[in-house]
Amino acid sequence: MHKKKPLLLVILLLLILAGGGGYYAWWSHRQEGPVNRLNLYGNVDIREARLSFNGSEHIDRILVEEGDRVARGQLLATLHRELLQAEVDRAAARLEAQRQVLAKLEAGSRPEEIDKGRADLAAAEARAKAAHDSWQRLRRLVDKRLASPEEVENARAKADSAQAQVEAARAALRLLLAGPRKEDIAAARAELAARKAALALARQHLADAELHAPAEGIIRDRILEPGDMATPQTPVLTLAFTDPVWVRAYLPEPMLGRVKPGMRAQILSDSYPGKPYPGWVGFISPTAEFTPKNVETPELRTRLVYQVRVFACNPHGELRLGMPASVVIDLRQANPTPGAPRPCGD
């Protein structure tokens, strides 16, 4: 009986050693995964735009429906444009009128106007000479008592008036020969520039009556309908951009030094099991935050994490906003080269 106890002790010791070795091998194999491969969990995210008109008017037409895929620059909706078109027409007419005013000033006096000025001066000089001669005759008749002093004074006044008319006609002719003042031409040019700007503004208001897609995407919501009053503060449509698409995940702090922007990744979803989507790490937040409640990780929820964006190749639009997804990053890959092409282009 006593001889069996050492044998049992040896067997028990061997079992303990074998169990410890097996646990160590299992523990080592378990640790190999997290060291060489990182699993992250998050949701698919995209950018959206709430599109509105850059003007206030009633909506005339909305040309798209919810779910429609639109291209960059595609016309989506229009406002009523009658009043806006009238503003353009009025601004164009005012511009043309000012253009003619400037052309008249820059052209100067016409030859016919100068000829008329010379003729007016000659006529004034002839009237002044006749009035002066009449005054001189009456002066000589006063001494012979053939004319009264009052008649002489009246004749002198008429001669002076005629001479003043000569000076006025001569000054008018000088103005015609000199042409418009430089200041008047400059003022006319400034007015022309102001009316050009007014026409450009009216045309821009007319162009703002059309709403175009800023990028390729999918219409998510029709917020307003034809007949509604649109303003710059009131969105008409919601556009979900189809590119870029990324998974918003959270990186544990111990892995912060091993994950770099540009590293390649694989994205998996429950909707398409067994179909990995190539991707790459595009952004790592510079600030830490607490783990969101909707993210499941093997780490404690009180640990600080860093938000990370893993951009995805989504050529068929299968990854949609809010879809749960998991990200697998091979930590053994070489550091990414700056400017390296995206995996989508491979």
Protein backbone atom coordinates (compact mmCIF):
# COMPACT_ATOMS: atom_id res chain seq x y z
CA MET A 1 0.00 0.00 0.00
CA HIS A 2 2.80 2.38 0.88
CA LYS A 3 4.55 1.54 -2.41
CA LYS A 4 1.56 2.81 -4.44
CA LYS A 5 1.61 6.34 -2.92
CA PRO A 6 4.87 7.48 -4.63
CA LEU A 7 3.55 6.14 -7.93
CA LEU A 8 0.32 8.13 -7.51
CA LEU A 9 2.25 11.25 -6.66
CA VAL A 10 4.37 10.87 -9.79
CA ILE A 11 1.27 10.37 -11.95
CA LEU A 12 -0.41 13.41 -10.35
CA LEU A 13 2.67 15.53 -10.90
CA LEU A 14 2.84 14.49 -14.56
CA LEU A 15 -0.83 15.37 -15.03
CA ILE A 16 -0.28 18.78 -13.48
CA LEU A 17 2.72 19.43 -15.74
CA ALA A 18 0.81 18.25 -18.79
CA GLY A 19 -2.16 20.47 -17.91
CA GLY A 20 0.09 23.45 -17.31
CA GLY A 21 1.84 22.93 -20.60
CA GLY A 22 -1.45 22.64 -22.44
CA TYR A 23 -2.76 25.82 -20.80
CA TYR A 24 0.43 27.64 -21.69
CA ALA A 25 0.19 26.50 -25.29
CA TRP A 26 -3.47 27.55 -25.43
CA TRP A 27 -2.70 30.90 -23.78
CA SER A 28 0.19 31.53 -26.17
CA HIS A 29 -2.00 30.75 -29.18
CA ARG A 30 -4.74 33.03 -27.79
CA GLN A 31 -2.30 35.88 -27.38
CA GLU A 32 -0.98 35.54 -30.92
CA GLY A 33 -4.22 36.83 -32.47
CA PRO A 34 -4.51 40.16 -30.66
CA VAL A 35 -0.81 40.83 -31.14
CA ASN A 36 -0.81 40.34 -34.92
CA ARG A 37 -4.39 41.16 -35.82
CA LEU A 38 -6.69 43.87 -34.50
CA ASN A 39 -10.47 43.59 -34.58
CA LEU A 40 -12.52 46.76 -34.32
CA TYR A 41 -16.30 47.21 -34.29
CA GLY A 42 -18.37 50.15 -35.44
CA ASN A 43 -20.94 51.42 -37.92
CA VAL A 44 -20.86 52.56 -41.52
CA ASP A 45 -20.93 56.32 -41.88
CA ILE A 46 -21.22 58.74 -44.81
CA ARG A 47 -21.47 62.46 -45.39
CA GLU A 48 -24.78 64.19 -46.02
CA ALA A 49 -25.79 67.62 -47.27
CA ARG A 50 -29.04 69.49 -46.67
CA LEU A 51 -29.55 71.32 -49.94
CA SER A 52 -31.34 74.69 -50.08
CA PHE A 53 -31.82 77.50 -52.59
CA ASN A 54 -29.71 80.63 -52.31
CA GLY A 55 -32.81 82.79 -52.67
CA SER A 56 -36.38 83.28 -51.45
CA GLU A 57 -39.21 82.32 -53.81
CA HIS A 58 -41.90 79.68 -54.26
CA ILE A 59 -40.74 76.29 -55.57
CA ASP A 60 -41.77 75.60 -59.15
CA ARG A 61 -40.52 72.03 -59.72
CA ILE A 62 -38.70 69.23 -57.89
CA LEU A 63 -37.22 66.84 -60.41
CA VAL A 64 -36.06 63.95 -58.17
CA GLU A 65 -37.62 61.45 -55.82
CA GLU A 66 -36.34 59.87 -52.63
CA GLY A 67 -33.88 57.11 -53.46
CA ASP A 68 -32.85 58.57 -56.83
CA ARG A 69 -29.15 58.43 -57.60
CA VAL A 70 -27.95 61.78 -58.96
CA ALA A 71 -24.75 62.93 -60.66
CA ARG A 72 -22.64 65.96 -59.83
CA GLY A 73 -24.18 69.11 -61.34
CA GLN A 74 -27.56 67.49 -62.06
CA LEU A 75 -30.57 69.84 -61.86
CA LEU A 76 -32.69 68.88 -58.85
CA ALA A 77 -35.28 71.65 -58.41
CA THR A 78 -36.25 75.13 -59.63
CA LEU A 79 -38.00 78.23 -58.29
CA HIS A 80 -40.49 80.46 -60.08
CA ARG A 81 -38.35 82.77 -62.24
CA GLU A 82 -40.71 85.36 -63.76
CA LEU A 83 -39.79 88.19 -61.37
CA LEU A 84 -36.11 87.27 -61.47
CA GLN A 85 -36.11 87.33 -65.28
CA ALA A 86 -37.77 90.76 -65.23
CA GLU A 87 -35.01 92.04 -62.95
CA VAL A 88 -32.42 90.78 -65.43
CA ASP A 89 -34.19 92.48 -68.34
CA ARG A 90 -34.44 95.80 -66.48
CA ALA A 91 -30.79 95.71 -65.45
CA ALA A 92 -29.77 94.94 -69.05
CA ALA A 93 -31.80 97.90 -70.38
CA ARG A 94 -30.31 100.30 -67.83
CA LEU A 95 -26.84 99.08 -68.72
CA GLU A 96 -27.43 99.69 -72.43
CA ALA A 97 -28.72 103.21 -71.76
CA GLN A 98 -25.63 104.09 -69.72
CA ARG A 99 -23.39 102.57 -72.38
CA GLN A 100 -24.87 104.99 -74.92
CA VAL A 101 -24.36 107.93 -72.55
CA LEU A 102 -20.70 107.06 -72.17
CA ALA A 103 -20.28 106.58 -75.90
CA LYS A 104 -21.75 110.06 -76.49
CA LEU A 105 -19.34 111.64 -74.01
CA GLU A 106 -16.31 109.81 -75.38
CA ALA A 107 -17.19 110.73 -78.98
CA GLY A 108 -17.23 114.44 -78.12
CA SER A 109 -19.11 117.12 -80.10
CA ARG A 110 -20.42 116.25 -83.53
CA PRO A 111 -19.24 118.34 -86.53
CA GLU A 112 -22.80 119.56 -87.03
CA GLU A 113 -22.90 120.84 -83.45
CA ILE A 114 -19.64 122.72 -83.98
CA ASP A 115 -20.94 124.24 -87.25
CA LYS A 116 -24.09 125.38 -85.46
CA GLY A 117 -21.99 126.92 -82.70
CA ARG A 118 -19.97 128.89 -85.23
CA ALA A 119 -23.12 130.05 -86.98
CA ASP A 120 -24.63 131.16 -83.67
CA LEU A 121 -21.48 133.13 -82.91
CA ALA A 122 -21.53 134.82 -86.33
CA ALA A 123 -25.20 135.76 -85.91
CA ALA A 124 -24.52 137.18 -82.45
CA GLU A 125 -21.60 139.20 -83.75
CA ALA A 126 -23.80 140.60 -86.54
CA ARG A 127 -26.50 141.61 -84.09
CA ALA A 128 -23.93 143.18 -81.81
CA LYS A 129 -22.44 145.22 -84.68
CA ALA A 130 -25.88 146.45 -85.76
CA ALA A 131 -26.74 147.45 -82.18
CA HIS A 132 -23.40 149.23 -81.75
CA ASP A 133 -23.81 151.16 -85.03
CA SER A 134 -27.31 152.23 -84.03
CA TRP A 135 -26.08 153.49 -80.72
CA GLN A 136 -23.28 155.51 -82.37
CA ARG A 137 -25.71 157.15 -84.80
CA LEU A 138 -28.04 158.19 -82.00
CA ARG A 139 -25.11 159.68 -80.09
CA ARG A 140 -24.31 161.98 -82.99
CA LEU A 141 -27.98 163.02 -83.33
CA VAL A 142 -28.21 164.10 -79.70
CA ASP A 143 -25.98 167.12 -80.34
CA LYS A 144 -28.29 168.18 -83.18
CA ARG A 145 -31.29 167.66 -80.95
CA LEU A 146 -32.61 165.02 -83.32
CA ALA A 147 -32.61 162.28 -80.68
CA SER A 148 -33.34 162.25 -77.00
CA PRO A 149 -30.87 161.10 -74.33
CA GLU A 150 -33.30 158.32 -73.41
CA GLU A 151 -33.14 156.89 -76.93
CA VAL A 152 -29.34 156.97 -76.78
CA GLU A 153 -29.31 155.09 -73.44
CA ASN A 154 -31.67 152.45 -74.75
CA ALA A 155 -29.53 151.95 -77.85
CA ARG A 156 -26.43 151.62 -75.69
CA ALA A 157 -28.14 148.99 -73.52
CA LYS A 158 -29.09 147.02 -76.59
CA ALA A 159 -25.52 147.17 -77.86
CA ASP A 160 -24.14 145.94 -74.54
CA SER A 161 -26.68 143.10 -74.47
CA ALA A 162 -25.79 142.06 -78.00
CA GLN A 163 -22.11 142.05 -77.10
CA ALA A 164 -22.82 139.82 -74.09
CA GLN A 165 -24.64 137.40 -76.38
CA VAL A 166 -21.52 137.34 -78.56
CA GLU A 167 -19.39 136.34 -75.58
CA ALA A 168 -21.87 133.63 -74.63
CA ALA A 169 -21.89 132.20 -78.16
CA ARG A 170 -18.10 132.29 -78.24
CA ALA A 171 -17.86 130.41 -74.92
CA ALA A 172 -20.37 127.81 -76.15
CA LEU A 173 -18.28 127.27 -79.25
CA ARG A 174 -15.15 126.77 -77.13
CA LEU A 175 -17.00 124.12 -75.09
CA LEU A 176 -18.04 122.33 -78.25
CA LEU A 177 -14.49 122.36 -79.53
CA ALA A 178 -13.06 121.14 -76.18
CA GLY A 179 -15.60 118.33 -75.82
CA PRO A 180 -16.90 116.79 -72.53
CA ARG A 181 -14.93 117.16 -69.30
CA LYS A 182 -12.73 114.27 -68.20
CA GLU A 183 -14.57 114.20 -64.88
CA ASP A 184 -17.90 113.70 -66.66
CA ILE A 185 -16.46 110.82 -68.69
CA ALA A 186 -15.01 109.22 -65.54
CA ALA A 187 -18.35 109.53 -63.74
CA ALA A 188 -20.14 107.96 -66.72
CA ARG A 189 -17.67 105.08 -66.74
CA ALA A 190 -18.17 104.49 -63.03
CA GLU A 191 -21.93 104.45 -63.51
CA LEU A 192 -21.51 101.97 -66.35
CA ALA A 193 -19.45 99.67 -64.10
CA ALA A 194 -22.12 99.89 -61.40
CA ARG A 195 -24.83 98.91 -63.87
CA LYS A 196 -22.72 96.00 -65.12
CA ALA A 197 -22.45 94.77 -61.55
CA ALA A 198 -26.21 95.17 -61.10
CA LEU A 199 -26.81 93.04 -64.21
CA ALA A 200 -24.36 90.37 -62.98
CA LEU A 201 -26.14 90.30 -59.61
CA ALA A 202 -29.55 89.95 -61.27
CA ARG A 203 -28.25 87.10 -63.43
CA GLN A 204 -26.81 85.39 -60.36
CA HIS A 205 -30.18 85.64 -58.61
CA LEU A 206 -31.75 84.04 -61.67
CA ALA A 207 -29.14 81.26 -61.65
CA ASP A 208 -29.79 80.70 -57.94
CA ALA A 209 -33.34 79.74 -58.86
CA GLU A 210 -31.92 76.36 -59.89
CA LEU A 211 -30.72 73.79 -57.35
CA HIS A 212 -27.95 71.47 -58.57
CA ALA A 213 -26.34 68.43 -56.95
CA PRO A 214 -22.94 69.37 -55.46
CA ALA A 215 -21.66 65.81 -55.87
CA GLU A 216 -22.73 62.30 -56.79
CA GLY A 217 -25.11 60.82 -54.25
CA ILE A 218 -28.56 59.51 -53.38
CA ILE A 219 -31.59 61.62 -52.47
CA ARG A 220 -32.61 60.68 -48.93
CA ASP A 221 -35.44 63.12 -48.18
CA ARG A 222 -37.76 65.53 -50.00
CA ILE A 223 -38.37 68.11 -47.30
CA LEU A 224 -40.30 70.70 -49.35
CA GLU A 225 -42.69 70.34 -52.29
CA PRO A 226 -43.71 72.54 -55.27
CA GLY A 227 -45.57 75.59 -54.02
CA ASP A 228 -43.67 75.77 -50.73
CA MET A 229 -41.73 78.93 -49.96
CA ALA A 230 -37.99 78.28 -50.18
CA THR A 231 -35.39 80.32 -48.31
CA PRO A 232 -31.63 79.88 -47.82
CA GLN A 233 -32.34 78.72 -44.26
CA THR A 234 -34.88 76.03 -45.31
CA PRO A 235 -33.49 72.77 -46.77
CA VAL A 236 -35.34 71.34 -49.75
CA LEU A 237 -33.58 67.97 -50.18
CA THR A 238 -31.16 65.80 -48.23
CA LEU A 239 -28.36 64.30 -50.32
CA ALA A 240 -26.29 61.34 -49.07
CA PHE A 241 -22.89 61.24 -50.73
CA THR A 242 -21.86 57.86 -52.10
CA ASP A 243 -18.17 58.62 -51.69
CA PRO A 244 -16.43 58.45 -49.32
CA VAL A 245 -17.86 55.65 -47.17
CA TRP A 246 -16.14 54.69 -43.94
CA VAL A 247 -16.58 52.71 -40.73
CA ARG A 248 -16.52 54.79 -37.57
CA ALA A 249 -14.76 52.58 -35.01
CA TYR A 250 -12.81 53.10 -31.79
CA LEU A 251 -9.18 52.22 -31.24
CA PRO A 252 -8.04 51.08 -27.76
CA GLU A 253 -5.24 53.17 -26.33
CA PRO A 254 -2.70 50.29 -26.16
CA MET A 255 -2.99 49.88 -29.95
CA LEU A 256 -2.54 53.57 -30.71
CA GLY A 257 1.15 53.16 -31.49
CA ARG A 258 0.65 50.20 -33.82
CA VAL A 259 -2.07 51.56 -36.11
CA LYS A 260 -1.07 54.24 -38.60
CA PRO A 261 -3.11 56.21 -41.16
CA GLY A 262 -2.88 54.51 -44.53
CA MET A 263 -2.71 50.95 -43.17
CA ARG A 264 -4.83 48.50 -45.13
CA ALA A 265 -7.84 46.83 -43.55
CA GLN A 266 -10.72 44.51 -44.30
CA ILE A 267 -14.32 45.40 -43.52
CA LEU A 268 -16.99 42.77 -42.84
CA SER A 269 -20.73 43.15 -42.43
CA ASP A 270 -23.57 40.91 -41.28
CA SER A 271 -25.59 41.79 -44.39
CA TYR A 272 -22.99 40.25 -46.71
CA PRO A 273 -21.29 37.53 -44.65
CA GLY A 274 -18.06 36.17 -46.07
CA LYS A 275 -17.62 39.18 -48.37
CA PRO A 276 -14.74 41.38 -47.18
CA TYR A 277 -14.45 44.94 -48.43
CA PRO A 278 -10.94 46.37 -48.81
CA GLY A 279 -10.27 49.57 -46.93
CA TRP A 280 -7.64 51.69 -45.30
CA VAL A 281 -7.20 53.71 -42.12
CA GLY A 282 -7.88 57.30 -43.07
CA PHE A 283 -8.10 59.18 -39.79
CA ILE A 284 -7.24 58.68 -36.13
CA SER A 285 -8.61 61.22 -33.69
CA PRO A 286 -5.98 63.23 -31.79
CA THR A 287 -8.16 63.26 -28.66
CA ALA A 288 -9.39 60.42 -26.47
CA GLU A 289 -12.95 59.69 -25.38
CA PHE A 290 -14.81 57.08 -23.40
CA THR A 291 -15.96 54.00 -25.27
CA PRO A 292 -19.47 54.60 -26.71
CA LYS A 293 -22.19 52.37 -25.31
CA ASN A 294 -23.11 51.00 -28.74
CA VAL A 295 -19.62 49.63 -29.39
CA GLU A 296 -18.78 46.13 -28.17
CA THR A 297 -15.09 45.52 -27.44
CA PRO A 298 -13.29 43.01 -25.26
CA GLU A 299 -11.81 45.95 -23.30
CA LEU A 300 -13.51 47.50 -20.30
CA ARG A 301 -15.96 50.26 -21.19
CA THR A 302 -14.26 52.68 -18.86
CA ARG A 303 -11.10 52.61 -20.98
CA LEU A 304 -10.34 55.61 -23.15
CA VAL A 305 -10.40 55.04 -26.90
CA TYR A 306 -9.62 57.04 -30.03
CA GLN A 307 -12.07 57.40 -32.85
CA VAL A 308 -10.79 55.99 -36.13
CA ARG A 309 -12.18 56.18 -39.64
CA VAL A 310 -11.57 53.18 -41.86
CA PHE A 311 -12.51 54.12 -45.41
CA ALA A 312 -14.10 51.38 -47.49
CA CYS A 313 -14.21 50.47 -51.16
CA ASN A 314 -17.93 50.36 -51.90
CA PRO A 315 -18.33 50.22 -55.70
CA HIS A 316 -21.81 48.65 -55.62
CA GLY A 317 -23.23 50.73 -52.77
CA GLU A 318 -23.75 47.72 -50.52
CA LEU A 319 -22.44 49.43 -47.38
CA ARG A 320 -25.14 51.79 -46.14
CA LEU A 321 -25.42 54.41 -43.45
CA GLY A 322 -25.61 52.98 -39.93
CA MET A 323 -24.87 49.38 -40.92
CA PRO A 324 -22.91 47.50 -38.20
CA ALA A 325 -19.49 46.43 -39.42
CA SER A 326 -16.28 44.96 -38.13
CA VAL A 327 -12.77 45.94 -39.18
CA VAL A 328 -9.76 43.64 -39.30
CA ILE A 329 -6.29 45.19 -39.42
CA ASP A 330 -3.18 43.08 -39.88
CA LEU A 331 -0.62 44.66 -37.55
CA ARG A 332 2.29 42.85 -39.23
CA GLN A 333 2.07 44.94 -42.41
CA ALA A 334 4.78 47.46 -43.17
CA ASN A 335 4.27 51.11 -42.37
CA PRO A 336 2.24 52.73 -45.17
CA THR A 337 4.03 54.86 -47.74
CA PRO A 338 2.75 58.45 -47.94
CA GLY A 339 0.74 58.97 -51.12
CA ALA A 340 0.27 55.24 -51.76
CA PRO A 341 -2.76 54.40 -53.95
CA ARG A 342 -5.99 53.30 -52.33
CA PRO A 343 -6.75 49.58 -52.28
CA CYS A 344 -9.81 50.26 -54.45
CA GLY A 345 -7.59 50.97 -57.40
CA ASP A 346 -5.68 47.73 -57.16
